[in-house]
Protein backbone atom coordinates (compact mmCIF):
# COMPACT_ATOMS: atom_id res chain seq x y z
CA MET A 1 12.30 -4.23 8.13
CA ALA A 2 13.55 -2.50 5.02
CA ASP A 3 10.14 -1.06 4.28
CA ASP A 4 9.90 0.65 7.65
CA VAL A 5 12.83 2.97 6.91
CA PHE A 6 11.68 3.88 3.43
CA ASP A 7 11.43 7.62 2.84
CA PHE A 8 7.82 8.03 1.77
CA GLY A 9 8.42 11.09 -0.34
CA PRO A 10 7.62 14.78 0.04
CA GLY A 11 6.09 16.53 3.01
CA ALA A 12 2.61 17.91 3.47
CA GLN A 13 0.66 18.07 0.23
CA VAL A 14 -3.02 17.84 -0.67
CA PRO A 15 -3.28 14.70 -2.83
CA ILE A 16 -5.19 15.53 -6.00
CA MET A 17 -5.79 12.92 -8.65
CA GLY A 18 -4.24 13.65 -12.03
CA SER A 19 -6.08 13.27 -15.31
CA ASP A 20 -3.34 11.98 -17.60
CA GLY A 21 -2.23 8.40 -18.30
CA GLN A 22 -4.27 5.21 -18.41
CA THR A 23 -7.46 6.18 -16.60
CA ALA A 24 -10.38 4.02 -17.78
CA ALA A 25 -9.85 1.17 -15.31
CA THR A 26 -8.84 3.58 -12.55
CA HIS A 27 -11.93 5.76 -12.95
CA ALA A 28 -14.23 2.75 -13.26
CA LEU A 29 -13.12 1.27 -9.94
CA ALA A 30 -13.00 4.69 -8.26
CA SER A 31 -16.63 5.31 -9.25
CA ALA A 32 -17.69 2.43 -6.98
CA ALA A 33 -16.98 4.65 -3.97
CA TYR A 34 -19.81 7.01 -5.00
CA ARG A 35 -22.48 4.45 -5.89
CA ASP A 36 -25.76 4.04 -4.02
CA SER A 37 -26.87 0.64 -5.35
CA PRO A 38 -27.28 -2.43 -3.08
CA VAL A 39 -24.00 -3.83 -1.82
CA GLU A 40 -24.82 -7.29 -3.20
CA GLU A 41 -24.36 -5.88 -6.72
CA ILE A 42 -20.59 -6.20 -6.38
CA LEU A 43 -20.87 -9.97 -6.13
CA LYS A 44 -21.88 -10.00 -9.81
CA ALA A 45 -18.45 -8.61 -10.70
CA ASP A 46 -16.53 -11.52 -9.15
CA ASN A 47 -14.63 -13.74 -11.58
CA GLU A 48 -14.03 -17.47 -11.35
CA TRP A 49 -10.84 -17.12 -9.32
CA HIS A 50 -11.60 -14.34 -6.85
CA LYS A 51 -14.75 -14.13 -4.74
CA SER A 52 -15.79 -11.31 -2.43
CA SER A 53 -18.48 -11.75 0.22
CA VAL A 54 -21.09 -9.66 2.01
CA SER A 55 -21.76 -10.44 5.66
CA LYS A 56 -25.09 -9.53 7.20
CA GLY A 57 -25.36 -7.50 10.39
CA LYS A 58 -27.84 -7.62 13.25
CA PHE A 59 -30.36 -5.20 11.71
CA SER A 60 -31.12 -4.70 8.04
CA LEU A 61 -31.92 -1.04 8.79
CA PHE A 62 -28.18 -0.43 9.33
CA GLU A 63 -26.88 -2.25 6.24
CA PRO A 64 -24.55 -0.23 3.97
CA ASN A 65 -25.00 0.42 0.27
CA LEU A 66 -22.34 -0.40 -2.32
CA GLY A 67 -20.45 2.89 -2.09
CA GLU A 68 -20.34 2.88 1.71
CA ALA A 69 -19.23 -0.75 1.94
CA PHE A 70 -16.68 -0.45 -0.89
CA SER A 71 -15.09 2.72 0.53
CA ARG A 72 -14.86 1.23 4.01
CA ALA A 73 -13.41 -2.09 2.80
CA VAL A 74 -10.84 -0.50 0.46
CA GLN A 75 -9.61 1.97 3.09
CA LEU A 76 -9.29 -0.73 5.73
CA ARG A 77 -7.51 -3.20 3.43
CA MET A 78 -5.15 -0.80 1.68
CA LEU A 79 -4.39 1.70 4.45
CA GLY A 80 -4.95 -0.29 7.63
CA GLY A 81 -2.08 -0.39 10.08
CA GLY A 82 -1.80 -4.18 10.13
CA ARG A 83 -2.62 -4.80 6.49
CA GLY A 84 -0.99 -7.61 4.57
CA ALA A 85 0.84 -7.46 1.26
CA LEU A 86 -1.11 -6.20 -1.76
CA ILE A 87 -1.11 -7.46 -5.32
CA GLN A 88 -0.06 -4.85 -7.89
CA SER A 89 -2.84 -3.34 -10.00
CA PHE A 90 -1.38 -3.08 -13.49
CA GLY A 91 -2.92 -0.65 -15.95
CA MET A 92 -4.25 1.65 -13.23
CA GLU A 93 -3.33 3.72 -10.17
CA PRO A 94 -4.65 2.15 -6.95
CA GLN A 95 -3.77 5.25 -4.93
CA THR A 96 -6.31 7.23 -6.97
CA VAL A 97 -9.04 4.71 -6.13
CA VAL A 98 -8.19 4.89 -2.44
CA GLU A 99 -8.21 8.70 -2.58
CA HIS A 100 -11.70 8.66 -4.08
CA ALA A 101 -12.81 6.23 -1.37
CA LEU A 102 -11.51 8.68 1.23
CA ALA A 103 -13.15 11.62 -0.55
CA ALA A 104 -16.50 9.80 -0.74
CA SER A 105 -16.27 8.94 2.96
CA ARG A 106 -15.55 12.57 3.79
CA ILE A 107 -18.64 13.72 1.84
CA ARG A 108 -20.77 11.17 3.69
CA LYS A 109 -19.31 12.19 7.05
CA GLU A 110 -20.26 15.81 6.40
CA ARG A 111 -23.79 14.66 5.57
CA ASP A 112 -23.88 12.43 8.63
CA SER A 113 -22.83 15.29 10.90
CA LYS A 114 -25.88 17.23 9.76
CA LEU A 115 -28.11 14.17 10.07
CA THR A 116 -26.82 13.55 13.60
CA ALA A 117 -27.82 17.07 14.63
CA VAL A 118 -31.27 16.50 13.11
CA THR A 119 -31.56 13.17 14.93
CA VAL A 120 -30.67 14.75 18.26
CA VAL A 121 -33.13 17.63 17.90
CA PHE A 122 -36.07 15.75 16.38
CA GLY A 123 -35.34 12.24 17.60
CA VAL A 124 -33.41 11.87 20.83
CA LEU A 125 -35.43 14.62 22.55
CA PHE A 126 -38.56 12.66 21.59
CA LEU A 127 -37.01 9.21 22.01
CA PRO A 128 -40.18 7.10 22.59
CA GLY A 129 -41.71 8.34 19.35
CA LEU A 130 -38.44 7.83 17.47
CA LEU A 131 -38.18 4.24 18.69
CA LEU A 132 -41.79 3.60 17.67
CA TRP A 133 -41.20 4.85 14.12
CA LEU A 134 -37.88 2.99 13.81
CA GLY A 135 -39.55 -0.21 14.95
CA VAL A 136 -42.19 0.17 12.26
CA PHE A 137 -39.60 0.85 9.54
CA GLN A 138 -37.42 -2.08 10.65
CA LEU A 139 -40.43 -4.41 10.59
CA ARG A 140 -41.47 -3.07 7.18
CA ARG A 141 -37.92 -3.54 5.83
CA THR A 142 -37.77 -7.08 7.14
CA LEU A 143 -41.13 -7.96 5.60
CA ALA A 144 -40.25 -6.22 2.32
CA GLY A 145 -37.10 -8.35 2.07
CA ALA A 146 -39.07 -11.57 2.43
CA LYS A 147 -39.52 -13.78 -0.60
CA ASP A 148 -43.27 -13.90 -0.05
CA LYS A 149 -44.76 -10.90 -1.90
CA ARG A 150 -47.73 -10.85 0.48
CA ALA A 151 -45.32 -10.19 3.35
CA GLY A 152 -44.07 -7.07 1.56
CA MET A 153 -47.63 -5.85 1.12
CA VAL A 154 -48.26 -6.40 4.81
CA GLY A 155 -45.23 -4.22 5.62
CA GLY A 156 -46.58 -1.35 3.52
CA ALA A 157 -50.03 -1.72 5.06
CA LEU A 158 -48.50 -1.68 8.54
CA LEU A 159 -46.73 1.62 7.90
CA PHE A 160 -49.95 3.16 6.57
CA ALA A 161 -51.89 1.90 9.61
CA VAL A 162 -49.39 3.39 12.06
CA ALA A 163 -49.51 6.72 10.22
CA ALA A 164 -53.32 6.74 10.39
CA LEU A 165 -53.21 5.86 14.09
CA ALA A 166 -50.78 8.71 14.68
CA VAL A 167 -53.21 11.18 13.11
CA ILE A 168 -56.05 9.88 15.31
CA VAL A 169 -53.88 10.20 18.43
CA LEU A 170 -52.96 13.77 17.55
CA VAL A 171 -56.60 14.75 17.19
CA ALA A 172 -58.21 12.76 20.01
CA LEU A 173 -55.42 12.64 22.61
CA PRO A 174 -57.08 13.04 26.08
CA PHE A 175 -53.99 14.58 27.74
CA ASN A 176 -53.51 18.34 28.11
CA GLY A 177 -50.69 20.56 29.31
CA VAL A 178 -46.99 19.77 28.97
CA LEU A 179 -47.52 15.99 28.87
CA GLY A 180 -50.07 16.26 26.09
CA TRP A 181 -47.86 18.48 23.95
CA TYR A 182 -44.89 16.17 24.54
CA LEU A 183 -46.89 13.10 23.50
CA ARG A 184 -48.02 14.92 20.37
CA GLY A 185 -44.40 15.97 19.75
CA MET A 186 -43.31 12.34 19.95
CA ILE A 187 -45.48 11.60 16.93
CA VAL A 188 -44.81 14.77 14.92
CA ALA A 189 -41.14 15.58 15.64
CA PRO A 190 -39.66 12.44 14.01
CA VAL A 191 -41.74 13.15 10.90
CA ILE A 192 -40.49 16.75 10.72
CA GLY A 193 -36.94 15.49 11.26
CA TRP A 194 -37.43 13.03 8.45
CA LEU A 195 -38.42 15.85 6.07
CA VAL A 196 -35.34 17.87 6.98
CA ALA A 197 -33.11 14.80 6.72
CA ARG A 198 -34.56 13.96 3.32
CA ARG A 199 -33.49 17.31 1.92
CA ILE A 200 -29.96 16.83 3.26
CA CYS A 201 -29.75 13.31 1.86
CA GLU A 202 -31.08 14.36 -1.54
CA MET A 203 -28.42 17.07 -1.95
CA THR A 204 -25.62 14.67 -1.01
CA ALA A 205 -26.98 11.96 -3.31
CA LYS A 206 -26.92 14.37 -6.26
CA ASP A 207 -23.32 15.32 -5.46
CA LEU A 208 -22.21 11.68 -5.23
CA ARG A 209 -23.96 10.72 -8.46
CA THR A 210 -22.43 13.68 -10.28
CA ARG A 211 -18.94 12.54 -9.26
CA TRP A 212 -19.80 8.97 -10.24
CA ASP A 213 -20.89 10.01 -13.76
CA ASN A 214 -18.03 12.48 -14.23
CA LEU A 215 -15.46 9.80 -13.48
CA LEU A 216 -16.90 7.50 -16.13
CA SER A 217 -17.07 10.39 -18.60
CA GLY A 218 -13.35 10.97 -18.20
CA GLY A 219 -13.63 14.39 -16.57
CA GLY A 220 -13.93 13.54 -12.90
CA VAL A 221 -13.24 16.11 -10.20
CA GLY A 222 -9.98 15.46 -8.39
CA ALA A 223 -10.24 13.68 -5.06
CA LYS A 224 -8.95 16.18 -2.49
CA ILE A 225 -7.89 14.57 0.77
CA PRO A 226 -7.22 17.33 3.31
CA GLU A 227 -7.10 14.76 6.12
CA ALA A 228 -3.87 13.42 4.55
CA VAL A 229 -2.11 16.78 5.08
CA PRO A 230 -0.41 17.02 8.50
CA GLY A 231 -1.29 20.34 10.12
CA ASN A 232 1.73 20.27 12.42
CA PRO A 233 4.71 17.97 13.19
CA GLY A 234 2.74 16.24 15.94
CA ASP A 235 -0.28 15.41 13.80
CA ALA A 236 0.25 11.65 13.93
CA THR A 237 -3.08 10.58 12.43
CA ARG A 238 -2.74 12.63 9.26
CA GLU A 239 0.93 11.76 8.91
CA ALA A 240 0.07 8.05 9.15
CA LEU A 241 -2.52 8.45 6.40
CA ARG A 242 -0.06 10.32 4.18
CA GLN A 243 2.58 7.63 4.68
CA GLY A 244 -0.04 4.94 4.02
CA LEU A 245 -0.77 6.47 0.61
CA GLU A 246 2.95 6.73 -0.18
CA LYS A 247 3.50 3.13 0.91
CA LEU A 248 0.66 2.03 -1.34
CA THR A 249 2.32 3.70 -4.34
CA ALA A 250 5.70 2.19 -3.44
CA GLU A 251 4.24 -1.31 -3.23
CA GLN A 252 2.51 -0.79 -6.58
CA ARG A 253 6.00 -0.29 -8.09
CA SER A 254 7.42 -3.45 -6.53
CA ASN A 255 9.31 -5.80 -8.87
CA MET A 256 8.08 -8.92 -7.08
CA VAL A 257 4.95 -10.82 -8.15
CA PHE A 258 3.31 -14.06 -7.10
CA TYR A 259 2.53 -17.15 -9.15
CA ALA A 260 -0.60 -19.02 -7.96
CA GLY A 261 -0.86 -22.09 -10.18
CA PRO A 262 -3.93 -22.10 -12.46
CA LYS A 263 -4.68 -18.52 -11.39
CA GLY A 264 -1.50 -17.46 -13.16
CA ILE A 265 0.61 -14.55 -11.95
CA LEU A 266 -1.59 -12.57 -9.58
CA GLY A 267 -2.28 -9.18 -11.09
CA MET A 268 -1.13 -10.19 -14.60
CA GLY A 269 -3.78 -12.76 -15.40
CA THR A 270 -3.68 -16.40 -16.38
CA ARG A 271 -0.99 -17.83 -18.68
CA TRP A 272 -2.64 -18.37 -22.07
CA GLY A 273 0.38 -19.43 -24.17
CA SER A 274 3.89 -20.85 -23.77
CA TRP A 275 6.76 -21.28 -26.28
CA GLN A 276 10.04 -22.98 -25.39
CA LEU A 277 13.34 -23.15 -27.23
CA ALA A 278 15.74 -25.68 -25.69
CA GLU A 279 18.89 -26.94 -27.42
CA GLU A 280 22.33 -28.25 -26.55
CA LEU A 281 25.25 -25.87 -26.12
CA VAL A 282 27.88 -27.09 -28.63
CA PRO A 283 31.09 -25.20 -29.56
CA ARG A 284 31.07 -23.69 -33.03
CA ASP A 285 34.69 -24.58 -33.73
CA ALA A 286 35.90 -28.13 -33.15
CA GLY A 287 38.55 -28.41 -30.49
CA LYS A 288 37.61 -25.09 -28.89
CA GLU A 289 35.50 -24.40 -25.85
CA ILE A 290 32.54 -22.08 -25.48
CA HIS A 291 33.39 -18.67 -24.05
CA GLN A 292 31.86 -18.53 -20.62
CA PHE A 293 28.61 -16.60 -20.21
CA ARG A 294 25.71 -16.56 -17.78
CA ALA A 295 21.96 -16.61 -18.12
CA TYR A 296 21.85 -12.93 -17.13
CA ASP A 297 24.05 -12.04 -20.14
CA VAL A 298 21.36 -13.45 -22.43
CA ILE A 299 18.59 -11.73 -20.48
CA ARG A 300 20.40 -8.39 -20.63
CA ALA A 301 20.71 -8.62 -24.41
CA ILE A 302 17.00 -9.49 -24.70
CA HIS A 303 16.17 -6.58 -22.39
CA ASP A 304 18.06 -4.10 -24.59
CA GLN A 305 16.33 -5.33 -27.75
CA MET A 306 12.86 -5.27 -26.17
CA LYS A 307 13.35 -1.57 -25.47
CA LEU A 308 13.32 -1.04 -29.25
CA LEU A 309 10.05 -2.87 -29.92
CA GLU A 310 8.17 0.31 -30.79
CA ARG A 311 10.58 0.94 -33.68
CA GLY A 312 9.81 -0.64 -37.04
CA PRO A 313 10.67 -0.36 -40.75
CA LEU A 314 7.24 1.06 -41.57
CA ASN A 315 5.41 4.08 -40.22
CA SER A 316 2.35 2.07 -39.22
CA GLY A 317 1.70 3.04 -35.62
CA GLY A 318 2.62 -0.37 -34.30
CA PHE A 319 3.56 -1.04 -30.70
CA PRO A 320 3.35 1.66 -28.05
CA THR A 321 6.42 1.97 -25.86
CA PRO A 322 6.44 -1.17 -23.70
CA SER A 323 7.38 -1.43 -20.05
CA VAL A 324 10.40 -3.77 -19.89
CA LYS A 325 11.19 -4.85 -16.35
CA HIS A 326 12.98 -7.56 -14.41
CA TRP A 327 10.56 -9.49 -12.21
CA ILE A 328 11.11 -11.82 -9.28
CA VAL A 329 8.31 -14.39 -9.27
CA SER A 330 7.50 -16.11 -5.98
CA PRO A 331 5.34 -19.28 -5.95
CA VAL A 332 2.26 -19.43 -3.71
CA GLY A 333 -0.49 -22.01 -3.44
CA GLU A 334 -3.55 -21.85 -5.67
CA GLY A 335 -5.78 -21.34 -2.63
CA ALA A 336 -3.40 -19.09 -0.70
CA GLY A 337 -5.27 -16.59 1.46
CA SER A 338 -2.34 -14.18 1.70
CA VAL A 339 1.12 -13.47 0.33
CA SER A 340 4.26 -12.02 1.89
CA ARG A 341 6.97 -9.92 0.29
CA ARG A 342 10.71 -10.32 0.67
CA GLU A 343 12.42 -8.42 3.47
CA GLY A 344 16.01 -7.84 4.44
CA GLN A 345 19.12 -6.20 3.07
CA ASP A 346 18.42 -7.33 -0.51
CA VAL A 347 15.15 -5.36 -0.62
CA GLU A 348 14.61 -1.63 -0.47
CA ALA A 349 11.22 0.10 -0.74
CA PHE A 350 9.60 -3.17 -1.95
CA GLN A 351 12.23 -3.41 -4.74
CA VAL A 352 14.55 -6.42 -4.99
CA LYS A 353 18.01 -4.94 -5.60
CA PRO A 354 19.84 -5.49 -8.93
CA HIS A 355 22.59 -7.70 -7.50
CA GLU A 356 19.99 -10.06 -6.03
CA ILE A 357 18.11 -10.10 -9.34
CA GLN A 358 21.29 -11.21 -11.11
CA ARG A 359 21.97 -13.89 -8.49
CA ILE A 360 18.49 -15.36 -8.82
CA CYS A 361 18.68 -15.25 -12.62
CA ASN A 362 22.06 -17.05 -12.75
CA HIS A 363 21.82 -19.54 -9.90
CA GLN A 364 18.19 -20.10 -8.85
CA GLN A 365 16.90 -22.04 -11.86
CA PHE A 366 16.09 -25.43 -10.35
CA GLY A 367 14.43 -26.52 -7.12
CA SER A 368 12.72 -24.35 -4.53
CA GLY A 369 12.91 -20.59 -4.33
CA ASP A 370 11.99 -17.54 -6.35
CA ARG A 371 12.62 -17.29 -10.09
CA HIS A 372 13.64 -14.48 -12.42
CA TYR A 373 11.62 -13.38 -15.46
CA LEU A 374 12.00 -10.51 -17.88
CA GLY A 375 8.60 -8.93 -18.45
CA VAL A 376 7.45 -6.97 -21.49
CA GLN A 377 4.17 -5.27 -20.65
CA PHE A 378 1.73 -3.35 -22.84
CA VAL A 379 -1.09 -1.33 -21.29
CA LEU A 380 -3.77 -0.81 -23.95
CA TRP A 381 -7.37 0.31 -24.32
CA ASP A 382 -6.89 3.19 -21.90
CA GLY A 383 -5.80 0.77 -19.19
CA GLN A 384 -8.52 -1.83 -19.76
CA LEU A 385 -6.19 -4.44 -21.32
CA VAL A 386 -2.81 -5.47 -19.89
CA ILE A 387 -0.65 -7.79 -22.01
CA THR A 388 2.46 -9.21 -20.35
CA MET A 389 5.02 -11.43 -22.07
CA MET A 390 7.35 -13.10 -19.56
CA ILE A 391 10.77 -14.41 -20.66
CA THR A 392 13.06 -16.65 -18.65
CA VAL A 393 16.44 -18.17 -19.54
CA THR A 394 17.79 -21.29 -17.82
CA VAL A 395 21.00 -23.27 -18.32
CA LEU A 396 21.01 -26.82 -16.97
CA HIS A 397 24.08 -28.95 -17.73
CA GLU A 398 24.62 -28.37 -21.49
CA THR A 399 21.08 -27.27 -22.36
CA LEU A 400 19.98 -23.66 -22.69
CA ARG A 401 16.25 -23.02 -22.55
CA ILE A 402 14.45 -19.79 -23.50
CA GLU A 403 10.82 -19.77 -22.46
CA VAL A 404 8.32 -17.08 -23.48
CA THR A 405 4.87 -17.07 -21.86
CA GLY A 406 1.87 -14.83 -22.48
CA HIS A 407 -0.39 -13.38 -19.79
CA ALA A 408 -3.44 -11.20 -20.39
CA LEU A 409 -5.60 -9.25 -17.95
CA GLY A 410 -8.91 -8.09 -19.38
CA PRO A 411 -11.16 -5.10 -18.67
CA VAL A 412 -12.79 -4.46 -15.31
CA HIS A 413 -16.31 -5.84 -15.00
CA SER A 414 -19.05 -3.87 -16.74
CA LEU A 415 -20.67 -3.19 -13.34
CA PHE A 416 -17.99 -0.57 -12.73
CA THR A 417 -18.40 1.11 -16.12
CA THR A 418 -22.17 1.65 -15.78
CA LYS A 419 -23.30 5.24 -15.21
CA SER A 420 -26.08 6.20 -12.85
CA SER A 421 -29.64 6.22 -14.12
CA PRO A 422 -32.52 8.32 -12.75
CA LYS A 423 -35.24 6.59 -10.80
CA THR A 424 -38.39 6.62 -12.92
CA VAL A 425 -41.85 5.12 -12.78
CA THR A 426 -44.34 4.59 -15.59
CA VAL A 427 -47.84 5.87 -14.82
CA ALA A 428 -51.07 6.30 -16.78
CA LYS A 429 -52.09 9.79 -17.89
CA THR A 430 -54.95 11.40 -16.01
CA VAL A 431 -57.26 11.99 -18.98
CA ARG A 432 -55.94 9.68 -21.66
CA PHE A 433 -55.68 6.79 -19.25
CA TRP A 434 -54.82 4.37 -22.06
CA GLU A 435 -51.53 6.23 -22.55
CA THR A 436 -48.55 6.14 -20.16
CA THR A 437 -45.80 8.56 -19.24
CA SER A 438 -42.57 8.34 -17.25
CA ARG A 439 -42.15 10.31 -14.07
CA THR A 440 -38.81 10.90 -12.37
CA LEU A 441 -38.75 9.96 -8.70
CA PRO A 442 -36.55 11.52 -5.99
CA LEU A 443 -33.17 9.86 -5.59
CA ILE A 444 -33.88 9.21 -1.92
CA ASP A 445 -37.02 7.32 -0.92
CA PRO A 446 -38.47 7.31 2.64
CA PRO A 447 -36.81 4.07 3.83
CA GLU A 448 -33.43 5.32 2.58
CA VAL A 449 -33.76 8.55 4.58
CA VAL A 450 -34.45 6.51 7.71
CA ARG A 451 -31.49 4.21 7.02
CA LEU A 452 -29.07 7.10 6.58
CA ALA A 453 -30.38 8.96 9.63
CA VAL A 454 -30.09 5.86 11.80
CA ARG A 455 -26.51 5.15 10.65
CA ALA A 456 -25.35 8.78 10.97
CA PRO A 457 -24.70 8.91 14.75
CA PHE A 458 -22.42 5.84 14.53
CA THR A 459 -20.21 7.15 11.70
CA TRP A 460 -17.55 8.24 14.20
CA TYR A 461 -16.82 4.55 14.97
CA PRO A 462 -17.28 2.38 11.82
CA PRO A 463 -16.80 -1.02 13.59
CA ILE A 464 -20.19 -0.47 15.25
CA LEU A 465 -21.80 -0.09 11.83
CA ASP A 466 -19.98 -3.23 10.63
CA PHE A 467 -21.51 -5.13 13.56
CA LEU A 468 -25.02 -3.70 13.24
CA GLY A 469 -25.35 -3.59 9.44
CA GLY A 470 -22.74 -5.91 7.98
CA LYS A 471 -19.76 -5.31 5.72
CA LEU A 472 -18.02 -6.21 2.46
CA SER A 473 -15.10 -8.67 2.60
CA LEU A 474 -12.63 -8.38 -0.28
CA PRO A 475 -11.12 -11.43 -2.04
CA GLU A 476 -7.64 -12.44 -0.93
CA PRO A 477 -4.84 -12.13 -1.91
CA PHE A 478 -6.25 -8.72 -2.74
CA GLY A 479 -5.41 -6.38 -5.58
CA LEU A 480 -7.84 -3.81 -6.94
CA ARG A 481 -7.46 -4.79 -10.58
CA HIS A 482 -7.33 -8.58 -10.81
CA ALA A 483 -10.15 -9.06 -8.27
CA TRP A 484 -12.77 -7.76 -10.73
CA ALA A 485 -11.17 -8.33 -14.14
CA ASP A 486 -12.95 -10.09 -16.98
CA GLN A 487 -11.28 -12.32 -19.56
CA PRO A 488 -10.17 -10.40 -22.69
CA TRP A 489 -11.14 -13.26 -25.00
CA ARG A 490 -14.80 -12.16 -25.13
CA HIS A 491 -13.67 -8.94 -26.86
CA ARG A 492 -12.53 -9.63 -30.41
CA PHE A 493 -10.07 -6.75 -30.77
CA MET A 494 -8.61 -7.23 -27.29
CA ALA A 495 -8.04 -10.92 -28.04
CA ASP A 496 -6.38 -10.00 -31.34
CA ASP A 497 -4.06 -7.53 -29.63
CA ALA A 498 -3.00 -10.11 -27.03
CA MET A 499 -2.16 -12.74 -29.65
CA ARG A 500 -0.48 -10.32 -32.06
CA ALA A 501 2.00 -9.26 -29.41
CA ALA A 502 3.36 -12.81 -29.04
CA THR A 503 5.04 -13.15 -32.45
CA PRO A 504 7.30 -10.06 -32.46
CA VAL A 505 8.24 -10.51 -28.80
CA LEU A 506 9.16 -14.14 -29.40
CA ARG A 507 11.29 -13.30 -32.45
CA VAL A 508 13.11 -10.44 -30.74
CA ALA A 509 13.89 -12.67 -27.75
CA HIS A 510 15.27 -15.41 -30.01
CA ASN A 511 17.32 -13.04 -32.19
CA ALA A 512 18.90 -11.35 -29.17
CA ALA A 513 19.73 -14.70 -27.59
CA LEU A 514 21.23 -16.09 -30.81
CA ARG A 515 23.49 -13.05 -31.13
CA VAL A 516 24.85 -13.64 -27.59
CA LEU A 517 25.42 -17.33 -28.34
CA GLU A 518 27.31 -16.54 -31.55
CA GLU A 519 29.49 -13.98 -29.74
CA HIS A 520 30.46 -16.68 -27.24
CA GLY A 521 31.36 -19.36 -29.77
CA VAL A 522 28.22 -21.50 -29.65
CA ASP A 523 27.02 -23.46 -32.68
CA THR A 524 23.63 -21.90 -33.32
CA GLU A 525 22.39 -24.04 -36.22
CA ARG A 526 20.07 -26.12 -34.06
CA PHE A 527 18.94 -23.03 -32.17
CA LYS A 528 18.10 -21.27 -35.46
CA GLY A 529 16.16 -24.26 -36.71
CA ARG A 530 14.14 -24.52 -33.54
CA ALA A 531 13.56 -20.75 -33.48
CA SER A 532 12.34 -20.85 -37.08
CA SER A 533 9.93 -23.67 -36.20
CA LEU A 534 8.56 -21.74 -33.23
CA SER A 535 8.28 -18.58 -35.33
CA GLY A 536 6.03 -20.46 -37.73
CA ALA A 537 3.96 -22.11 -35.00
CA VAL A 538 3.30 -18.85 -33.16
CA GLN A 539 1.52 -17.46 -36.21
CA ASP A 540 -1.31 -19.94 -35.75
CA LEU A 541 -1.79 -19.56 -32.03
CA SER A 542 -4.96 -19.49 -29.98
CA PRO A 543 -5.44 -18.81 -26.26
CA LYS A 544 -5.29 -21.87 -24.03
CA LYS A 545 -5.31 -22.58 -20.32
CA ALA A 546 -1.58 -23.17 -20.27
CA ASP A 547 -1.47 -23.68 -16.49
CA ALA A 548 -4.25 -26.26 -16.39
CA TYR A 549 -2.06 -29.32 -16.93
CA ASP A 550 -3.92 -32.45 -18.03
CA ALA A 551 -1.75 -34.92 -16.16
């Protein structure tokens, strides 16, 4: 395979996330790795096309929170040895998100190492007592998760009753000597271990929340991944991780995308508008023939003109510098569960080579196979809005067709842009009982300490935790950005930006094409008339579901 011989870049380096470029969408998704909310929260961020799922494990006491499940799922999907092809994440850097997932996992592993030591000293050595307390907490968690509120109250009462019974046993235990002290230790040691574990968990929770908030504030601490730095030439595990990150970046730069029917081009969003200019190729001078040209000659002229879009007659700000790129678009089914990228001698490092791009543009215009498009892409709103205008030129018999389509990918779901909030409770004042005040609670409550302590010894082998507590399954075909993107049409200014880009792009494409036709002896009167008509129609455009054909 061509990708297997790709040189994945420089040698040993500590990956550190940069702070420049389009960062809003990147930081928003990266913050998910540090969150401590319930894992089911991520289901609220799913859009109509892409659905993630949360599978339940054997015991609710082992279930992961959002940050744990997200970090695990992202690492496995984007760095796994047998992973499938990924969809590009435009307007953001997926490698940065993966690095933060790795960094968050490393922080949790350090915490879990300490919790494992606490569990061994205060739990395993007093195993009967530990199992008794775990059984009570599991039963309480099960009852608390029941829809019947009375069941939740029963769970709380059960925990209180066991605690009271433990106190009675400590005081009135009839055994003496070593056995008596051990039986008392079975009751007390897990409680002492819980207090120590709570302090460890609280410190880690504050660290994770600080990173979460800093990312959304735009000043996040770089995600250092020392485990991606090979310590010696034989360090295969770290070298594989380093190459996995480099491969991820290389695939992000691929010039091949996938068209999935009503879902649009995966990663670019649905097609909201389409404008077509199709006229007959007639010689300008009677008795003479048209000078031969190919579709790629027209595309090349359009490409050169699109590079100048940011220039204008007025100093008005206008367009930022667009990304103008040749794309190979491969069709996949609307319900496709995976995609596959081209391989072979025409592909290098996930890039279709220029000679193959020209061949597809000139000869693969009808029937099955991949198609060529020229893309003009604007990344706006600090990466939250991606506008892509796709242009294709086809020549069938004596008809030349220039088609311009608009695609828009909106901001990531608001779930990812929400900062952490302290846990508070409203209570009545002691003296002025008719007045209330807010009191800040610890970040880690008793059941959470137990959950983290129970999961800690199994961190060394995550599949066990997936089996016992469940996991997050990502939507396929998977790409970080399009999986949780909202429509831009709910935001007035974003919608305006998407529609305003259509008119100048359309006119530049038509003007460049007309110049090529005139240079090759084509009568352009009909083309100019049609272009003028489209130029007027595009001024009164509105977003539509252009791929939802009513046939």
